Protein backbone atom coordinates (compact mmCIF):
# COMPACT_ATOMS: atom_id res chain seq x y z
CA UNK A 1 0.01 -0.26 0.33
CA UNK A 2 1.23 3.39 -0.96
CA UNK A 3 0.79 6.47 1.83
CA UNK A 4 -1.21 9.46 -0.03
CA UNK A 5 0.41 12.38 2.25
CA UNK A 6 3.30 12.96 -0.04
CA UNK A 7 1.39 12.19 -3.42
CA UNK A 8 -1.41 14.64 -2.66
CA UNK A 9 -1.05 18.13 -4.24
CA UNK A 10 -3.43 20.89 -4.36
CA UNK A 11 -5.46 20.74 -7.68
CA UNK A 12 -4.41 22.53 -10.86
CA UNK A 13 -7.09 24.69 -12.57
CA UNK A 14 -6.53 22.98 -16.33
CA UNK A 15 -8.57 22.00 -18.63
CA UNK A 16 -6.40 18.94 -20.23
CA UNK A 17 -5.80 15.82 -18.53
CA UNK A 18 -3.33 16.44 -15.75
CA UNK A 19 -1.50 13.50 -14.43
CA UNK A 20 -0.93 14.93 -10.72
CA UNK A 21 -4.73 16.04 -10.39
CA UNK A 22 -5.37 12.17 -11.47
CA UNK A 23 -2.87 10.89 -8.95
CA UNK A 24 -4.47 13.30 -5.69
CA UNK A 25 -7.85 12.41 -6.38
CA UNK A 26 -7.23 8.68 -6.82
CA UNK A 27 -5.80 9.28 -3.14
CA UNK A 28 -8.82 11.34 -2.07
CA UNK A 29 -10.77 8.23 -3.37
CA UNK A 30 -8.65 5.83 -1.26
CA UNK A 31 -9.26 7.84 1.78
CA UNK A 32 -12.83 7.36 0.96
CA UNK A 33 -12.53 3.89 2.23
CA UNK A 34 -11.38 4.83 5.84
CA UNK A 35 -13.27 5.57 9.10
CA UNK A 36 -14.99 8.91 9.52
CA UNK A 37 -12.27 10.18 11.99
CA UNK A 38 -9.33 9.02 9.51
CA UNK A 39 -11.18 10.90 6.58
CA UNK A 40 -11.15 14.18 8.47
CA UNK A 41 -7.73 13.97 9.73
CA UNK A 42 -6.25 12.87 6.15
CA UNK A 43 -8.43 15.66 4.47
CA UNK A 44 -6.92 18.02 7.27
CA UNK A 45 -3.57 16.63 6.54
CA UNK A 46 -3.76 18.10 2.63
CA UNK A 47 -4.66 21.16 3.92
CA UNK A 48 -8.51 21.31 3.80
CA UNK A 49 -10.08 23.44 6.50
CA UNK A 50 -13.97 21.96 5.81
CA UNK A 51 -14.62 18.03 6.05
CA UNK A 52 -18.08 16.29 6.76
CA UNK A 53 -18.73 12.65 6.02
CA UNK A 54 -21.66 11.51 4.99
CA UNK A 55 -23.37 7.84 5.08
CA UNK A 56 -26.78 6.19 3.78
CA UNK A 57 -27.90 2.93 5.11
CA UNK A 58 -30.86 0.86 4.51
CA UNK A 59 -31.28 -1.48 7.60
CA UNK A 60 -27.96 -2.86 8.43
CA UNK A 61 -26.56 -2.33 4.82
CA UNK A 62 -24.53 0.76 3.84
CA UNK A 63 -26.03 1.95 0.43
CA UNK A 64 -23.76 4.98 0.23
CA UNK A 65 -20.75 7.07 1.94
CA UNK A 66 -18.68 10.05 0.67
CA UNK A 67 -17.22 12.83 2.12
CA UNK A 68 -16.70 16.62 1.09
CA UNK A 69 -13.56 18.51 1.55
CA UNK A 70 -12.70 22.30 0.89
CA UNK A 71 -10.42 24.78 1.07
CA UNK A 72 -10.12 28.34 -0.46
CA UNK A 73 -10.64 27.57 -3.41
CA UNK A 74 -12.20 24.42 -4.50
CA UNK A 75 -14.31 21.82 -3.27
CA UNK A 76 -14.27 17.89 -3.63
CA UNK A 77 -16.93 15.54 -3.44
CA UNK A 78 -15.24 12.06 -2.86
CA UNK A 79 -17.57 8.75 -3.43
CA UNK A 80 -16.76 5.51 -2.01
CA UNK A 81 -16.51 2.58 -4.22
CA UNK A 82 -17.66 -1.56 -3.74
CA UNK A 83 -14.99 -4.23 -4.23
CA UNK A 84 -17.90 -6.77 -4.13
CA UNK A 85 -17.87 -8.96 -7.12
CA UNK A 86 -21.16 -10.47 -6.08
CA UNK A 87 -22.77 -6.93 -6.31
CA UNK A 88 -21.31 -6.14 -9.56
CA UNK A 89 -22.44 -9.65 -11.36
CA UNK A 90 -26.02 -8.32 -10.54
CA UNK A 91 -25.47 -4.98 -12.43
CA UNK A 92 -25.40 -7.07 -16.09
CA UNK A 93 -29.40 -7.51 -15.03
CA UNK A 94 -29.40 -3.92 -13.71
CA UNK A 95 -32.56 -1.64 -15.34
CA UNK A 96 -32.86 2.22 -16.09
CA UNK A 97 -35.12 4.86 -14.84
CA UNK A 98 -35.53 8.70 -15.39
CA UNK A 99 -32.03 10.51 -14.88
CA UNK A 100 -31.27 14.16 -14.24
CA UNK A 101 -31.25 15.62 -17.64
CA UNK A 102 -34.40 15.85 -19.83
CA UNK A 103 -35.01 12.65 -21.52
CA UNK A 104 -32.34 10.94 -19.78
CA UNK A 105 -32.22 7.54 -18.22
CA UNK A 106 -29.63 6.38 -15.38
CA UNK A 107 -28.97 2.95 -13.69
CA UNK A 108 -32.18 2.55 -11.14
CA UNK A 109 -29.39 0.96 -8.51
CA UNK A 110 -26.86 3.68 -8.33
CA UNK A 111 -29.47 6.42 -8.36
CA UNK A 112 -31.43 4.80 -5.89
CA UNK A 113 -28.44 4.50 -3.60
CA UNK A 114 -27.44 8.58 -4.20
CA UNK A 115 -30.69 10.14 -3.86
CA UNK A 116 -31.70 9.90 -0.21
CA UNK A 117 -28.27 11.96 0.51
CA UNK A 118 -28.71 14.10 -2.14
CA UNK A 119 -30.30 17.19 -0.37
CA UNK A 120 -28.46 17.25 2.83
CA UNK A 121 -24.71 16.48 0.73
CA UNK A 122 -25.80 19.53 -1.64
CA UNK A 123 -26.14 21.74 1.55
CA UNK A 124 -22.73 20.84 2.61
CA UNK A 125 -21.52 21.79 -0.85
CA UNK A 126 -23.50 25.15 -0.38
CA UNK A 127 -22.34 25.39 3.17
CA UNK A 128 -18.59 25.35 2.25
CA UNK A 129 -18.82 27.97 -0.15
CA UNK A 130 -20.12 26.40 -3.72
CA UNK A 131 -20.85 29.90 -5.23
CA UNK A 132 -17.48 30.86 -5.16
CA UNK A 133 -15.27 28.18 -4.94
CA UNK A 134 -14.64 25.08 -8.20
CA UNK A 135 -16.55 21.72 -7.43
CA UNK A 136 -14.70 18.57 -7.94
CA UNK A 137 -16.57 15.17 -8.17
CA UNK A 138 -14.67 11.96 -7.67
CA UNK A 139 -15.25 8.27 -6.85
CA UNK A 140 -13.87 5.14 -7.82
CA UNK A 141 -15.56 1.93 -8.95
CA UNK A 142 -19.31 2.18 -7.61
CA UNK A 143 -18.07 5.76 -6.50
CA UNK A 144 -17.49 6.96 -10.27
CA UNK A 145 -20.58 5.97 -11.06
CA UNK A 146 -22.43 8.39 -8.11
CA UNK A 147 -19.90 10.98 -8.88
CA UNK A 148 -21.43 11.31 -12.68
CA UNK A 149 -25.15 10.94 -11.43
CA UNK A 150 -24.29 13.29 -8.71
CA UNK A 151 -22.48 15.81 -11.13
CA UNK A 152 -25.57 15.68 -13.29
CA UNK A 153 -27.83 16.24 -10.15
CA UNK A 154 -26.06 19.44 -9.32
CA UNK A 155 -25.89 20.80 -12.76
CA UNK A 156 -29.82 20.50 -13.27
CA UNK A 157 -29.88 22.41 -9.92
CA UNK A 158 -28.20 24.97 -11.63
CA UNK A 159 -24.60 24.43 -9.65
CA UNK A 160 -21.32 24.92 -11.82
CA UNK A 161 -19.91 21.40 -11.66
CA UNK A 162 -15.48 22.34 -12.67
CA UNK A 163 -14.27 18.90 -12.81
CA UNK A 164 -15.10 15.03 -12.85
CA UNK A 165 -12.39 12.29 -12.72
CA UNK A 166 -13.44 8.96 -11.76
CA UNK A 167 -11.56 5.45 -11.73
CA UNK A 168 -12.63 2.22 -12.69
CA UNK A 169 -15.86 3.56 -13.12
CA UNK A 170 -19.22 1.47 -14.56
CA UNK A 171 -21.32 2.82 -16.90
CA UNK A 172 -24.00 5.33 -15.14
CA UNK A 173 -26.38 6.07 -17.66
CA UNK A 174 -27.90 6.43 -21.20
CA UNK A 175 -26.35 8.09 -24.08
CA UNK A 176 -28.73 11.08 -23.36
CA UNK A 177 -27.08 11.28 -19.87
CA UNK A 178 -23.53 11.07 -21.29
CA UNK A 179 -24.02 13.79 -23.86
CA UNK A 180 -25.82 15.74 -21.43
CA UNK A 181 -23.04 15.63 -18.71
CA UNK A 182 -20.47 16.26 -21.14
CA UNK A 183 -21.38 19.40 -22.12
CA UNK A 184 -22.70 20.76 -19.27
CA UNK A 185 -18.96 20.25 -17.45
CA UNK A 186 -16.82 23.33 -17.78
CA UNK A 187 -13.50 22.07 -16.51
CA UNK A 188 -11.93 18.46 -16.94
CA UNK A 189 -13.91 15.43 -17.25
CA UNK A 190 -11.99 12.04 -17.54
CA UNK A 191 -12.71 8.55 -16.79
CA UNK A 192 -9.58 6.49 -15.69
CA UNK A 193 -9.83 2.97 -16.98
CA UNK A 194 -6.85 0.66 -15.50
CA UNK A 195 -5.99 -2.20 -18.56
CA UNK A 196 -8.02 -5.48 -17.61
CA UNK A 197 -10.48 -3.78 -15.29
CA UNK A 198 -13.74 -5.80 -16.12
CA UNK A 199 -16.06 -3.20 -14.17
CA UNK A 200 -15.77 -0.54 -16.79
CA UNK A 201 -17.43 -2.63 -18.67
CA UNK A 202 -20.51 -3.00 -17.02
CA UNK A 203 -23.59 -2.55 -17.06
CA UNK A 204 -23.46 -4.07 -20.85
CA UNK A 205 -24.12 -1.41 -23.76
CA UNK A 206 -26.17 -0.26 -25.67
CA UNK A 207 -28.35 0.70 -22.63
CA UNK A 208 -25.70 2.10 -20.73
CA UNK A 209 -22.83 4.49 -21.60
CA UNK A 210 -19.55 6.09 -20.03
CA UNK A 211 -19.48 9.88 -19.59
CA UNK A 212 -16.35 11.49 -19.98
CA UNK A 213 -13.08 11.09 -22.09
CA UNK A 214 -11.49 7.75 -21.35
CA UNK A 215 -7.43 7.73 -20.11
CA UNK A 216 -6.09 4.22 -20.64
CA UNK A 217 -3.87 3.03 -17.71
CA UNK A 218 -1.00 0.50 -19.13
CA UNK A 219 1.71 -1.15 -17.39
CA UNK A 220 4.52 1.32 -19.08
CA UNK A 221 2.39 3.97 -20.32
CA UNK A 222 -0.97 6.30 -20.94
CA UNK A 223 -3.11 5.73 -23.83
CA UNK A 224 -6.62 7.27 -24.89
CA UNK A 225 -6.55 4.32 -26.58
CA UNK A 226 -5.99 2.86 -30.18
CA UNK A 227 -8.11 -0.50 -29.95
CA UNK A 228 -11.42 -0.25 -30.29
CA UNK A 229 -13.72 -0.58 -27.33
CA UNK A 230 -15.05 -4.00 -28.36
CA UNK A 231 -11.36 -5.36 -28.02
CA UNK A 232 -11.08 -3.65 -24.99
CA UNK A 233 -13.97 -5.52 -23.64
CA UNK A 234 -12.46 -8.77 -24.73
CA UNK A 235 -8.90 -8.26 -23.19
CA UNK A 236 -10.69 -7.23 -20.01
CA UNK A 237 -13.02 -10.17 -19.96
CA UNK A 238 -9.94 -12.62 -20.44
CA UNK A 239 -8.40 -10.84 -17.72
CA UNK A 240 -11.22 -11.48 -15.35
CA UNK A 241 -10.99 -15.03 -16.10
CA UNK A 242 -7.45 -15.60 -15.52
CA UNK A 243 -8.92 -14.90 -11.97
CA UNK A 244 -11.72 -16.56 -11.89
CA UNK A 245 -10.46 -18.94 -9.08
CA UNK A 246 -10.63 -16.02 -6.91
CA UNK A 247 -14.46 -15.51 -8.12
CA UNK A 248 -15.47 -13.91 -4.82
CA UNK A 249 -13.28 -11.08 -5.37
CA UNK A 250 -12.64 -8.16 -8.07
CA UNK A 251 -8.81 -8.55 -9.37
CA UNK A 252 -6.15 -6.16 -8.56
CA UNK A 253 -6.94 -4.43 -11.82
CA UNK A 254 -10.06 -3.29 -10.38
CA UNK A 255 -8.76 -1.78 -6.87
CA UNK A 256 -7.01 1.28 -6.07
CA UNK A 257 -4.00 0.25 -4.11
CA UNK A 258 -3.65 -3.21 -3.84
CA UNK A 259 -0.31 -4.33 -5.97
CA UNK A 260 1.37 -3.11 -8.86
CA UNK A 261 -1.43 -3.68 -11.24
CA UNK A 262 -3.57 -1.57 -9.61
CA UNK A 263 -5.00 1.97 -10.32
CA UNK A 264 -2.62 4.40 -7.92
CA UNK A 265 1.04 2.58 -8.40
CA UNK A 266 0.30 2.78 -12.27
CA UNK A 267 -0.74 6.40 -11.51
CA UNK A 268 2.37 7.29 -9.85
CA UNK A 269 4.42 5.50 -12.55
CA UNK A 270 2.63 7.93 -15.00
CA UNK A 271 3.15 11.06 -13.01
CA UNK A 272 6.94 10.30 -12.43
CA UNK A 273 7.20 9.57 -16.54
CA UNK A 274 5.18 13.04 -17.10
CA UNK A 275 7.64 14.92 -14.54
CA UNK A 276 10.78 13.43 -16.01
CA UNK A 277 9.62 14.54 -19.76
CA UNK A 278 8.91 17.83 -18.33
CA UNK A 279 12.59 18.37 -16.69
CA UNK A 280 14.42 16.97 -19.36
């Protein structure tokens, strides 16, 4: 496991993909898997003076967890993900319902998990000064889909969403939702995909689509993709079945920080490669 304190830098206001922004937000996502106490301490270490944790439960089950941190310039909303393969297999048969934008549709399960928290979450953002700060939204896995959907909900409430970075996100909604969100986000909007991650191909097309520009992390490089999306799906499925003996768990390709094949180690290498290229 890689510690986040030395890798988290203040976010840069830049529309193009920025490896350090991606790395900082990935560590923010990793922090979302910690306890409320550790989240508040970690965000404070990064220089955020305002931090609030939010959890939605149904019975004994936690449906949604997120936190919001703010400094003088930025508000960052971070959604926690889910590493349970059994939950992801259920997404193959997921259905849609009316989404945040006109004539759009969204994944019902994702939206159902998010909607009970929307009013309180938006209240936190407004309390932290949304009118005068840039709003960033991020999330890993299930949390990535929630980040996209919440971005749409905020925009529908006439808030400006500056940037969205997601990591290993499943498809959150239909093509109309995706087009509307892509058109409305004013700054950087990227979805980071680790090569071999099966979750990014769920739920299946054509009823679901991805929002944001795709960035693919391979072992030794970053690319936007020269392969067809179909070929990427085939590659991911092959990687998944190589790990089928461990079927009660998601492979390292989907995890944030479980080994060299996971997101954060590859993001660190990418940021280091970029820095070396800049200072040559």
